[in-house]
Amino acid sequence: INWSGGSTYYADSVNGRFTISRDNAKNTVYLQMNSLKPEDT
C-alpha cells in the first residue's frame, strides 16, 4: 500500500481474499485475510 493508502497491489495468490489498509493517524498497517487456505500458512 502506498503512503497515502490510495494505491494497493496484491499477489495473484491472495487477490480478492486479502485486503491491505493503513491508518496513518495510528501508524498502523493492516492485512485482512479472508477465505484462508492451508497454503496461506
PDB file of all heavy atoms in Angstrom:
ATOM      1  N   ILE A   1       0.851  -1.175   0.000  1.00  0.00           N
ATOM      2  CA  ILE A   1       0.000   0.000   0.000  1.00  0.00           C
ATOM      3  C   ILE A   1       0.893   1.233   0.000  1.00  0.00           C
ATOM      4  O   ILE A   1       1.904   1.269   0.701  1.00  0.00           O
ATOM      5  CB  ILE A   1      -0.965  -0.025   1.201  1.00  0.00           C
ATOM      6  CG1 ILE A   1      -1.994   1.099   1.118  1.00  0.00           C
ATOM      7  CG2 ILE A   1      -0.206   0.024   2.537  1.00  0.00           C
ATOM      8  CD1 ILE A   1      -3.162   0.909   2.087  1.00  0.00           C
ATOM      9  N   ASN A   2       0.502   2.244  -0.778  1.00  0.00           N
ATOM     10  CA  ASN A   2       1.359   3.416  -0.837  1.00  0.00           C
ATOM     11  C   ASN A   2       1.167   4.290   0.403  1.00  0.00           C
ATOM     12  O   ASN A   2       0.311   4.023   1.261  1.00  0.00           O
ATOM     13  CB  ASN A   2       1.127   4.199  -2.128  1.00  0.00           C
ATOM     14  CG  ASN A   2      -0.133   5.041  -2.098  1.00  0.00           C
ATOM     15  OD1 ASN A   2      -1.121   4.666  -1.455  1.00  0.00           O
ATOM     16  ND2 ASN A   2      -0.099   6.163  -2.783  1.00  0.00           N
ATOM     17  N   TRP A   3       1.942   5.359   0.489  1.00  0.00           N
ATOM     18  CA  TRP A   3       1.999   6.155   1.709  1.00  0.00           C
ATOM     19  C   TRP A   3       0.642   6.736   2.099  1.00  0.00           C
ATOM     20  O   TRP A   3       0.326   6.856   3.281  1.00  0.00           O
ATOM     21  CB  TRP A   3       3.015   7.293   1.550  1.00  0.00           C
ATOM     22  CG  TRP A   3       2.586   8.326   0.551  1.00  0.00           C
ATOM     23  CD1 TRP A   3       2.800   8.315  -0.795  1.00  0.00           C
ATOM     24  CD2 TRP A   3       1.834   9.508   0.821  1.00  0.00           C
ATOM     25  NE1 TRP A   3       2.231   9.407  -1.379  1.00  0.00           N
ATOM     26  CE2 TRP A   3       1.630  10.166  -0.412  1.00  0.00           C
ATOM     27  CE3 TRP A   3       1.312  10.083   1.983  1.00  0.00           C
ATOM     28  CZ2 TRP A   3       0.942  11.356  -0.519  1.00  0.00           C
ATOM     29  CZ3 TRP A   3       0.615  11.276   1.875  1.00  0.00           C
ATOM     30  CH2 TRP A   3       0.438  11.902   0.636  1.00  0.00           C
ATOM     31  N   SER A   4      -0.186   7.073   1.125  1.00  0.00           N
ATOM     32  CA  SER A   4      -1.472   7.700   1.424  1.00  0.00           C
ATOM     33  C   SER A   4      -2.599   6.696   1.593  1.00  0.00           C
ATOM     34  O   SER A   4      -3.687   7.044   2.061  1.00  0.00           O
ATOM     35  CB  SER A   4      -1.846   8.673   0.307  1.00  0.00           C
ATOM     36  OG  SER A   4      -2.141   7.964  -0.889  1.00  0.00           O
ATOM     37  N   GLY A   5      -2.360   5.473   1.187  1.00  0.00           N
ATOM     38  CA  GLY A   5      -3.432   4.479   1.197  1.00  0.00           C
ATOM     39  C   GLY A   5      -4.249   4.471  -0.072  1.00  0.00           C
ATOM     40  O   GLY A   5      -5.190   3.689  -0.200  1.00  0.00           O
ATOM     41  N   GLY A   6      -3.885   5.310  -1.017  1.00  0.00           N
ATOM     42  CA  GLY A   6      -4.679   5.432  -2.224  1.00  0.00           C
ATOM     43  C   GLY A   6      -4.364   4.432  -3.311  1.00  0.00           C
ATOM     44  O   GLY A   6      -5.082   4.345  -4.316  1.00  0.00           O
ATOM     45  N   SER A   7      -3.309   3.659  -3.129  1.00  0.00           N
ATOM     46  CA  SER A   7      -2.908   2.691  -4.136  1.00  0.00           C
ATOM     47  C   SER A   7      -2.481   1.405  -3.464  1.00  0.00           C
ATOM     48  O   SER A   7      -1.714   1.429  -2.494  1.00  0.00           O
ATOM     49  CB  SER A   7      -1.752   3.247  -4.963  1.00  0.00           C
ATOM     50  OG  SER A   7      -1.304   2.301  -5.919  1.00  0.00           O
ATOM     51  N   THR A   8      -2.991   0.297  -3.964  1.00  0.00           N
ATOM     52  CA  THR A   8      -2.645  -1.017  -3.425  1.00  0.00           C
ATOM     53  C   THR A   8      -2.341  -1.978  -4.575  1.00  0.00           C
ATOM     54  O   THR A   8      -2.765  -1.764  -5.717  1.00  0.00           O
ATOM     55  CB  THR A   8      -3.782  -1.609  -2.579  1.00  0.00           C
ATOM     56  OG1 THR A   8      -4.959  -1.729  -3.399  1.00  0.00           O
ATOM     57  CG2 THR A   8      -4.087  -0.725  -1.375  1.00  0.00           C
ATOM     58  N   TYR A   9      -1.615  -3.028  -4.232  1.00  0.00           N
ATOM     59  CA  TYR A   9      -1.298  -4.056  -5.220  1.00  0.00           C
ATOM     60  C   TYR A   9      -1.150  -5.375  -4.486  1.00  0.00           C
ATOM     61  O   TYR A   9      -0.613  -5.408  -3.371  1.00  0.00           O
ATOM     62  CB  TYR A   9      -0.004  -3.703  -5.958  1.00  0.00           C
ATOM     63  CG  TYR A   9       0.346  -4.667  -7.065  1.00  0.00           C
ATOM     64  CD1 TYR A   9      -0.352  -4.643  -8.266  1.00  0.00           C
ATOM     65  CD2 TYR A   9       1.361  -5.607  -6.907  1.00  0.00           C
ATOM     66  CE1 TYR A   9      -0.040  -5.527  -9.285  1.00  0.00           C
ATOM     67  CE2 TYR A   9       1.677  -6.487  -7.918  1.00  0.00           C
ATOM     68  CZ  TYR A   9       0.973  -6.446  -9.105  1.00  0.00           C
ATOM     69  OH  TYR A   9       1.280  -7.320 -10.110  1.00  0.00           O
ATOM     70  N   TYR A  10      -1.631  -6.464  -5.119  1.00  0.00           N
ATOM     71  CA  TYR A  10      -1.670  -7.764  -4.464  1.00  0.00           C
ATOM     72  C   TYR A  10      -1.016  -8.836  -5.324  1.00  0.00           C
ATOM     73  O   TYR A  10      -1.060  -8.776  -6.565  1.00  0.00           O
ATOM     74  CB  TYR A  10      -3.116  -8.177  -4.200  1.00  0.00           C
ATOM     75  CG  TYR A  10      -3.858  -7.253  -3.268  1.00  0.00           C
ATOM     76  CD1 TYR A  10      -4.589  -6.183  -3.754  1.00  0.00           C
ATOM     77  CD2 TYR A  10      -3.837  -7.467  -1.888  1.00  0.00           C
ATOM     78  CE1 TYR A  10      -5.264  -5.334  -2.903  1.00  0.00           C
ATOM     79  CE2 TYR A  10      -4.519  -6.621  -1.027  1.00  0.00           C
ATOM     80  CZ  TYR A  10      -5.227  -5.549  -1.549  1.00  0.00           C
ATOM     81  OH  TYR A  10      -5.901  -4.717  -0.697  1.00  0.00           O
ATOM     82  N   ALA A  11      -0.485  -9.831  -4.653  1.00  0.00           N
ATOM     83  CA  ALA A  11      -0.064 -11.037  -5.347  1.00  0.00           C
ATOM     84  C   ALA A  11      -1.300 -11.742  -5.889  1.00  0.00           C
ATOM     85  O   ALA A  11      -2.385 -11.693  -5.277  1.00  0.00           O
ATOM     86  CB  ALA A  11       0.698 -11.954  -4.390  1.00  0.00           C
ATOM     87  N   ASP A  12      -1.138 -12.407  -7.011  1.00  0.00           N
ATOM     88  CA  ASP A  12      -2.271 -13.111  -7.618  1.00  0.00           C
ATOM     89  C   ASP A  12      -2.875 -14.128  -6.653  1.00  0.00           C
ATOM     90  O   ASP A  12      -4.089 -14.354  -6.648  1.00  0.00           O
ATOM     91  CB  ASP A  12      -1.816 -13.818  -8.902  1.00  0.00           C
ATOM     92  CG  ASP A  12      -1.509 -12.851 -10.034  1.00  0.00           C
ATOM     93  OD1 ASP A  12      -1.927 -11.670  -9.950  1.00  0.00           O
ATOM     94  OD2 ASP A  12      -0.854 -13.273 -11.007  1.00  0.00           O
ATOM     95  N   SER A  13      -2.033 -14.745  -5.837  1.00  0.00           N
ATOM     96  CA  SER A  13      -2.492 -15.825  -4.955  1.00  0.00           C
ATOM     97  C   SER A  13      -3.435 -15.345  -3.865  1.00  0.00           C
ATOM     98  O   SER A  13      -4.161 -16.159  -3.280  1.00  0.00           O
ATOM     99  CB  SER A  13      -1.288 -16.522  -4.323  1.00  0.00           C
ATOM    100  OG  SER A  13      -0.504 -15.595  -3.589  1.00  0.00           O
ATOM    101  N   VAL A  14      -3.437 -14.051  -3.575  1.00  0.00           N
ATOM    102  CA  VAL A  14      -4.280 -13.539  -2.487  1.00  0.00           C
ATOM    103  C   VAL A  14      -5.295 -12.511  -2.978  1.00  0.00           C
ATOM    104  O   VAL A  14      -6.171 -12.099  -2.216  1.00  0.00           O
ATOM    105  CB  VAL A  14      -3.430 -12.916  -1.365  1.00  0.00           C
ATOM    106  CG1 VAL A  14      -2.369 -13.907  -0.881  1.00  0.00           C
ATOM    107  CG2 VAL A  14      -2.798 -11.605  -1.780  1.00  0.00           C
ATOM    108  N   ASN A  15      -5.179 -12.091  -4.222  1.00  0.00           N
ATOM    109  CA  ASN A  15      -6.074 -11.067  -4.760  1.00  0.00           C
ATOM    110  C   ASN A  15      -7.528 -11.511  -4.654  1.00  0.00           C
ATOM    111  O   ASN A  15      -7.874 -12.625  -5.061  1.00  0.00           O
ATOM    112  CB  ASN A  15      -5.695 -10.772  -6.208  1.00  0.00           C
ATOM    113  CG  ASN A  15      -6.265  -9.452  -6.694  1.00  0.00           C
ATOM    114  OD1 ASN A  15      -6.610  -8.581  -5.908  1.00  0.00           O
ATOM    115  ND2 ASN A  15      -6.341  -9.298  -7.999  1.00  0.00           N
ATOM    116  N   GLY A  16      -8.335 -10.642  -4.075  1.00  0.00           N
ATOM    117  CA  GLY A  16      -9.743 -10.965  -3.886  1.00  0.00           C
ATOM    118  C   GLY A  16     -10.055 -11.590  -2.543  1.00  0.00           C
ATOM    119  O   GLY A  16     -11.222 -11.672  -2.146  1.00  0.00           O
ATOM    120  N   ARG A  17      -9.022 -12.042  -1.833  1.00  0.00           N
ATOM    121  CA  ARG A  17      -9.224 -12.645  -0.499  1.00  0.00           C
ATOM    122  C   ARG A  17      -8.620 -11.778   0.604  1.00  0.00           C
ATOM    123  O   ARG A  17      -9.141 -11.748   1.716  1.00  0.00           O
ATOM    124  CB  ARG A  17      -8.588 -14.030  -0.446  1.00  0.00           C
ATOM    125  CG  ARG A  17      -9.164 -15.023  -1.430  1.00  0.00           C
ATOM    126  CD  ARG A  17      -8.613 -16.434  -1.170  1.00  0.00           C
ATOM    127  NE  ARG A  17      -7.172 -16.519  -1.351  1.00  0.00           N
ATOM    128  CZ  ARG A  17      -6.324 -16.931  -0.405  1.00  0.00           C
ATOM    129  NH1 ARG A  17      -6.771 -17.291   0.776  1.00  0.00           N
ATOM    130  NH2 ARG A  17      -5.021 -16.980  -0.656  1.00  0.00           N
ATOM    131  N   PHE A  18      -7.520 -11.123   0.312  1.00  0.00           N
ATOM    132  CA  PHE A  18      -6.819 -10.295   1.300  1.00  0.00           C
ATOM    133  C   PHE A  18      -7.013  -8.820   0.962  1.00  0.00           C
ATOM    134  O   PHE A  18      -7.104  -8.436  -0.212  1.00  0.00           O
ATOM    135  CB  PHE A  18      -5.326 -10.595   1.298  1.00  0.00           C
ATOM    136  CG  PHE A  18      -4.930 -11.943   1.825  1.00  0.00           C
ATOM    137  CD1 PHE A  18      -5.868 -12.933   2.098  1.00  0.00           C
ATOM    138  CD2 PHE A  18      -3.594 -12.238   2.060  1.00  0.00           C
ATOM    139  CE1 PHE A  18      -5.492 -14.185   2.592  1.00  0.00           C
ATOM    140  CE2 PHE A  18      -3.191 -13.464   2.543  1.00  0.00           C
ATOM    141  CZ  PHE A  18      -4.146 -14.438   2.801  1.00  0.00           C
ATOM    142  N   THR A  19      -7.027  -7.986   2.010  1.00  0.00           N
ATOM    143  CA  THR A  19      -7.123  -6.541   1.822  1.00  0.00           C
ATOM    144  C   THR A  19      -6.096  -5.849   2.705  1.00  0.00           C
ATOM    145  O   THR A  19      -6.079  -6.070   3.921  1.00  0.00           O
ATOM    146  CB  THR A  19      -8.518  -6.023   2.165  1.00  0.00           C
ATOM    147  OG1 THR A  19      -9.491  -6.686   1.347  1.00  0.00           O
ATOM    148  CG2 THR A  19      -8.612  -4.520   1.922  1.00  0.00           C
ATOM    149  N   ILE A  20      -5.262  -5.021   2.098  1.00  0.00           N
ATOM    150  CA  ILE A  20      -4.299  -4.229   2.856  1.00  0.00           C
ATOM    151  C   ILE A  20      -4.866  -2.830   3.048  1.00  0.00           C
ATOM    152  O   ILE A  20      -5.504  -2.264   2.147  1.00  0.00           O
ATOM    153  CB  ILE A  20      -2.929  -4.185   2.142  1.00  0.00           C
ATOM    154  CG1 ILE A  20      -1.864  -3.534   3.027  1.00  0.00           C
ATOM    155  CG2 ILE A  20      -3.031  -3.503   0.784  1.00  0.00           C
ATOM    156  CD1 ILE A  20      -0.444  -3.661   2.468  1.00  0.00           C
ATOM    157  N   SER A  21      -4.653  -2.276   4.237  1.00  0.00           N
ATOM    158  CA  SER A  21      -5.111  -0.921   4.526  1.00  0.00           C
ATOM    159  C   SER A  21      -4.158  -0.302   5.545  1.00  0.00           C
ATOM    160  O   SER A  21      -3.311  -0.999   6.122  1.00  0.00           O
ATOM    161  CB  SER A  21      -6.539  -0.926   5.061  1.00  0.00           C
ATOM    162  OG  SER A  21      -6.624  -1.654   6.275  1.00  0.00           O
ATOM    163  N   ARG A  22      -4.286   1.003   5.758  1.00  0.00           N
ATOM    164  CA  ARG A  22      -3.441   1.658   6.742  1.00  0.00           C
ATOM    165  C   ARG A  22      -4.215   2.784   7.401  1.00  0.00           C
ATOM    166  O   ARG A  22      -5.112   3.378   6.803  1.00  0.00           O
ATOM    167  CB  ARG A  22      -2.152   2.175   6.107  1.00  0.00           C
ATOM    168  CG  ARG A  22      -2.328   3.284   5.085  1.00  0.00           C
ATOM    169  CD  ARG A  22      -1.024   3.541   4.325  1.00  0.00           C
ATOM    170  NE  ARG A  22       0.030   4.072   5.186  1.00  0.00           N
ATOM    171  CZ  ARG A  22       1.318   4.086   4.852  1.00  0.00           C
ATOM    172  NH1 ARG A  22       1.715   3.565   3.703  1.00  0.00           N
ATOM    173  NH2 ARG A  22       2.215   4.598   5.679  1.00  0.00           N
ATOM    174  N   ASP A  23      -3.830   3.050   8.647  1.00  0.00           N
ATOM    175  CA  ASP A  23      -4.368   4.167   9.395  1.00  0.00           C
ATOM    176  C   ASP A  23      -3.177   5.020   9.802  1.00  0.00           C
ATOM    177  O   ASP A  23      -2.461   4.687  10.758  1.00  0.00           O
ATOM    178  CB  ASP A  23      -5.132   3.661  10.620  1.00  0.00           C
ATOM    179  CG  ASP A  23      -5.819   4.780  11.384  1.00  0.00           C
ATOM    180  OD1 ASP A  23      -5.396   5.950  11.277  1.00  0.00           O
ATOM    181  OD2 ASP A  23      -6.774   4.479  12.116  1.00  0.00           O
ATOM    182  N   ASN A  24      -2.945   6.090   9.079  1.00  0.00           N
ATOM    183  CA  ASN A  24      -1.754   6.904   9.329  1.00  0.00           C
ATOM    184  C   ASN A  24      -1.826   7.629  10.674  1.00  0.00           C
ATOM    185  O   ASN A  24      -0.791   7.949  11.255  1.00  0.00           O
ATOM    186  CB  ASN A  24      -1.531   7.885   8.183  1.00  0.00           C
ATOM    187  CG  ASN A  24      -1.021   7.199   6.924  1.00  0.00           C
ATOM    188  OD1 ASN A  24      -0.496   6.089   6.973  1.00  0.00           O
ATOM    189  ND2 ASN A  24      -1.193   7.854   5.791  1.00  0.00           N
ATOM    190  N   ALA A  25      -3.019   7.871  11.163  1.00  0.00           N
ATOM    191  CA  ALA A  25      -3.150   8.510  12.479  1.00  0.00           C
ATOM    192  C   ALA A  25      -2.693   7.564  13.590  1.00  0.00           C
ATOM    193  O   ALA A  25      -2.265   8.016  14.654  1.00  0.00           O
ATOM    194  CB  ALA A  25      -4.586   8.930  12.715  1.00  0.00           C
ATOM    195  N   LYS A  26      -2.779   6.262  13.330  1.00  0.00           N
ATOM    196  CA  LYS A  26      -2.377   5.255  14.319  1.00  0.00           C
ATOM    197  C   LYS A  26      -1.036   4.604  13.973  1.00  0.00           C
ATOM    198  O   LYS A  26      -0.604   3.684  14.662  1.00  0.00           O
ATOM    199  CB  LYS A  26      -3.451   4.174  14.438  1.00  0.00           C
ATOM    200  CG  LYS A  26      -4.781   4.678  14.985  1.00  0.00           C
ATOM    201  CD  LYS A  26      -5.771   3.547  15.134  1.00  0.00           C
ATOM    202  CE  LYS A  26      -7.095   4.043  15.712  1.00  0.00           C
ATOM    203  NZ  LYS A  26      -8.088   2.952  15.867  1.00  0.00           N
ATOM    204  N   ASN A  27      -0.413   5.054  12.884  1.00  0.00           N
ATOM    205  CA  ASN A  27       0.868   4.478  12.459  1.00  0.00           C
ATOM    206  C   ASN A  27       0.787   2.960  12.323  1.00  0.00           C
ATOM    207  O   ASN A  27       1.700   2.227  12.744  1.00  0.00           O
ATOM    208  CB  ASN A  27       1.988   4.845  13.448  1.00  0.00           C
ATOM    209  CG  ASN A  27       2.362   6.308  13.388  1.00  0.00           C
ATOM    210  OD1 ASN A  27       1.899   7.048  12.524  1.00  0.00           O
ATOM    211  ND2 ASN A  27       3.197   6.736  14.316  1.00  0.00           N
ATOM    212  N   THR A  28      -0.287   2.498  11.714  1.00  0.00           N
ATOM    213  CA  THR A  28      -0.530   1.063  11.644  1.00  0.00           C
ATOM    214  C   THR A  28      -0.991   0.665  10.244  1.00  0.00           C
ATOM    215  O   THR A  28      -1.783   1.383   9.621  1.00  0.00           O
ATOM    216  CB  THR A  28      -1.587   0.632  12.678  1.00  0.00           C
ATOM    217  OG1 THR A  28      -1.134   0.998  13.992  1.00  0.00           O
ATOM    218  CG2 THR A  28      -1.818  -0.870  12.639  1.00  0.00           C
ATOM    219  N   VAL A  29      -0.486  -0.463   9.785  1.00  0.00           N
ATOM    220  CA  VAL A  29      -0.949  -1.061   8.539  1.00  0.00           C
ATOM    221  C   VAL A  29      -1.582  -2.403   8.871  1.00  0.00           C
ATOM    222  O   VAL A  29      -1.156  -3.089   9.816  1.00  0.00           O
ATOM    223  CB  VAL A  29       0.199  -1.200   7.525  1.00  0.00           C
ATOM    224  CG1 VAL A  29       1.290  -2.120   8.041  1.00  0.00           C
ATOM    225  CG2 VAL A  29      -0.316  -1.673   6.175  1.00  0.00           C
ATOM    226  N   TYR A  30      -2.617  -2.754   8.120  1.00  0.00           N
ATOM    227  CA  TYR A  30      -3.393  -3.959   8.387  1.00  0.00           C
ATOM    228  C   TYR A  30      -3.388  -4.886   7.177  1.00  0.00           C
ATOM    229  O   TYR A  30      -3.231  -4.439   6.030  1.00  0.00           O
ATOM    230  CB  TYR A  30      -4.837  -3.602   8.731  1.00  0.00           C
ATOM    231  CG  TYR A  30      -4.980  -2.633   9.878  1.00  0.00           C
ATOM    232  CD1 TYR A  30      -5.173  -1.278   9.655  1.00  0.00           C
ATOM    233  CD2 TYR A  30      -4.927  -3.081  11.197  1.00  0.00           C
ATOM    234  CE1 TYR A  30      -5.309  -0.385  10.697  1.00  0.00           C
ATOM    235  CE2 TYR A  30      -5.057  -2.186  12.252  1.00  0.00           C
ATOM    236  CZ  TYR A  30      -5.245  -0.844  11.993  1.00  0.00           C
ATOM    237  OH  TYR A  30      -5.370   0.032  13.032  1.00  0.00           O
ATOM    238  N   LEU A  31      -3.607  -6.169   7.461  1.00  0.00           N
ATOM    239  CA  LEU A  31      -3.841  -7.131   6.397  1.00  0.00           C
ATOM    240  C   LEU A  31      -5.036  -7.978   6.822  1.00  0.00           C
ATOM    241  O   LEU A  31      -4.925  -8.809   7.730  1.00  0.00           O
ATOM    242  CB  LEU A  31      -2.621  -8.011   6.145  1.00  0.00           C
ATOM    243  CG  LEU A  31      -2.758  -8.957   4.951  1.00  0.00           C
ATOM    244  CD1 LEU A  31      -2.786  -8.162   3.635  1.00  0.00           C
ATOM    245  CD2 LEU A  31      -1.626  -9.977   4.926  1.00  0.00           C
ATOM    246  N   GLN A  32      -6.173  -7.715   6.201  1.00  0.00           N
ATOM    247  CA  GLN A  32      -7.374  -8.519   6.443  1.00  0.00           C
ATOM    248  C   GLN A  32      -7.319  -9.722   5.522  1.00  0.00           C
ATOM    249  O   GLN A  32      -7.257  -9.569   4.298  1.00  0.00           O
ATOM    250  CB  GLN A  32      -8.630  -7.691   6.174  1.00  0.00           C
ATOM    251  CG  GLN A  32      -9.926  -8.469   6.340  1.00  0.00           C
ATOM    252  CD  GLN A  32     -10.180  -8.888   7.777  1.00  0.00           C
ATOM    253  OE1 GLN A  32     -10.003  -8.085   8.697  1.00  0.00           O
ATOM    254  NE2 GLN A  32     -10.592 -10.122   7.972  1.00  0.00           N
ATOM    255  N   MET A  33      -7.357 -10.911   6.109  1.00  0.00           N
ATOM    256  CA  MET A  33      -7.243 -12.153   5.349  1.00  0.00           C
ATOM    257  C   MET A  33      -8.526 -12.950   5.492  1.00  0.00           C
ATOM    258  O   MET A  33      -8.874 -13.370   6.604  1.00  0.00           O
ATOM    259  CB  MET A  33      -6.043 -12.959   5.844  1.00  0.00           C
ATOM    260  CG  MET A  33      -4.732 -12.170   5.847  1.00  0.00           C
ATOM    261  SD  MET A  33      -3.301 -13.162   6.268  1.00  0.00           S
ATOM    262  CE  MET A  33      -3.695 -13.591   7.963  1.00  0.00           C
ATOM    263  N   ASN A  34      -9.227 -13.139   4.409  1.00  0.00           N
ATOM    264  CA  ASN A  34     -10.467 -13.900   4.381  1.00  0.00           C
ATOM    265  C   ASN A  34     -10.299 -15.152   3.526  1.00  0.00           C
ATOM    266  O   ASN A  34      -9.364 -15.255   2.732  1.00  0.00           O
ATOM    267  CB  ASN A  34     -11.595 -13.038   3.823  1.00  0.00           C
ATOM    268  CG  ASN A  34     -11.873 -11.812   4.664  1.00  0.00           C
ATOM    269  OD1 ASN A  34     -11.688 -11.809   5.880  1.00  0.00           O
ATOM    270  ND2 ASN A  34     -12.332 -10.750   4.014  1.00  0.00           N
ATOM    271  N   SER A  35     -11.215 -16.075   3.686  1.00  0.00           N
ATOM    272  CA  SER A  35     -11.207 -17.320   2.901  1.00  0.00           C
ATOM    273  C   SER A  35      -9.830 -17.969   2.929  1.00  0.00           C
ATOM    274  O   SER A  35      -9.289 -18.375   1.897  1.00  0.00           O
ATOM    275  CB  SER A  35     -11.630 -17.034   1.458  1.00  0.00           C
ATOM    276  OG  SER A  35     -12.913 -16.443   1.414  1.00  0.00           O
ATOM    277  N   LEU A  36      -9.286 -18.087   4.119  1.00  0.00           N
ATOM    278  CA  LEU A  36      -7.931 -18.605   4.248  1.00  0.00           C
ATOM    279  C   LEU A  36      -7.838 -20.058   3.822  1.00  0.00           C
ATOM    280  O   LEU A  36      -8.785 -20.849   3.995  1.00  0.00           O
ATOM    281  CB  LEU A  36      -7.452 -18.443   5.690  1.00  0.00           C
ATOM    282  CG  LEU A  36      -7.018 -17.021   6.041  1.00  0.00           C
ATOM    283  CD1 LEU A  36      -7.010 -16.796   7.546  1.00  0.00           C
ATOM    284  CD2 LEU A  36      -5.648 -16.725   5.456  1.00  0.00           C
ATOM    285  N   LYS A  37      -6.683 -20.386   3.268  1.00  0.00           N
ATOM    286  CA  LYS A  37      -6.412 -21.730   2.768  1.00  0.00           C
ATOM    287  C   LYS A  37      -5.177 -22.286   3.489  1.00  0.00           C
ATOM    288  O   LYS A  37      -4.330 -21.511   3.946  1.00  0.00           O
ATOM    289  CB  LYS A  37      -6.116 -21.681   1.269  1.00  0.00           C
ATOM    290  CG  LYS A  37      -7.204 -21.043   0.435  1.00  0.00           C
ATOM    291  CD  LYS A  37      -6.770 -20.933  -1.019  1.00  0.00           C
ATOM    292  CE  LYS A  37      -7.828 -20.255  -1.873  1.00  0.00           C
ATOM    293  NZ  LYS A  37      -7.403 -20.142  -3.291  1.00  0.00           N
ATOM    294  N   PRO A  38      -5.038 -23.598   3.560  1.00  0.00           N
ATOM    295  CA  PRO A  38      -3.837 -24.168   4.197  1.00  0.00           C
ATOM    296  C   PRO A  38      -2.544 -23.640   3.570  1.00  0.00           C
ATOM    297  O   PRO A  38      -1.539 -23.477   4.280  1.00  0.00           O
ATOM    298  CB  PRO A  38      -4.005 -25.662   3.964  1.00  0.00           C
ATOM    299  CG  PRO A  38      -5.492 -25.864   3.937  1.00  0.00           C
ATOM    300  CD  PRO A  38      -6.033 -24.645   3.238  1.00  0.00           C
ATOM    301  N   GLU A  39      -2.556 -23.352   2.298  1.00  0.00           N
ATOM    302  CA  GLU A  39      -1.338 -22.855   1.637  1.00  0.00           C
ATOM    303  C   GLU A  39      -1.007 -21.415   2.023  1.00  0.00           C
ATOM    304  O   GLU A  39       0.044 -20.893   1.635  1.00  0.00           O
ATOM    305  CB  GLU A  39      -1.444 -22.977   0.111  1.00  0.00           C
ATOM    306  CG  GLU A  39      -2.703 -22.391  -0.480  1.00  0.00           C
ATOM    307  CD  GLU A  39      -3.780 -23.450  -0.715  1.00  0.00           C
ATOM    308  OE1 GLU A  39      -3.987 -24.307   0.188  1.00  0.00           O
ATOM    309  OE2 GLU A  39      -4.423 -23.407  -1.786  1.00  0.00           O
ATOM    310  N   ASP A  40      -1.874 -20.763   2.787  1.00  0.00           N
ATOM    311  CA  ASP A  40      -1.558 -19.428   3.318  1.00  0.00           C
ATOM    312  C   ASP A  40      -0.717 -19.522   4.594  1.00  0.00           C
ATOM    313  O   ASP A  40      -0.278 -18.495   5.122  1.00  0.00           O
ATOM    314  CB  ASP A  40      -2.838 -18.649   3.618  1.00  0.00           C
ATOM    315  CG  ASP A  40      -3.643 -18.325   2.370  1.00  0.00           C
ATOM    316  OD1 ASP A  40      -3.028 -17.953   1.352  1.00  0.00           O
ATOM    317  OD2 ASP A  40      -4.883 -18.444   2.429  1.00  0.00           O
ATOM    318  N   THR A  41      -0.517 -20.716   5.104  1.00  0.00           N
ATOM    319  CA  THR A  41       0.283 -20.906   6.309  1.00  0.00           C
ATOM    320  C   THR A  41       1.710 -20.422   6.083  1.00  0.00           C
ATOM    321  O   THR A  41       2.379 -20.844   5.139  1.00  0.00           O
ATOM    322  CB  THR A  41       0.297 -22.388   6.712  1.00  0.00           C
ATOM    323  OG1 THR A  41      -1.030 -22.771   7.069  1.00  0.00           O
ATOM    324  CG2 THR A  41       1.230 -22.629   7.883  1.00  0.00           C
TER     325      THR A  41
END
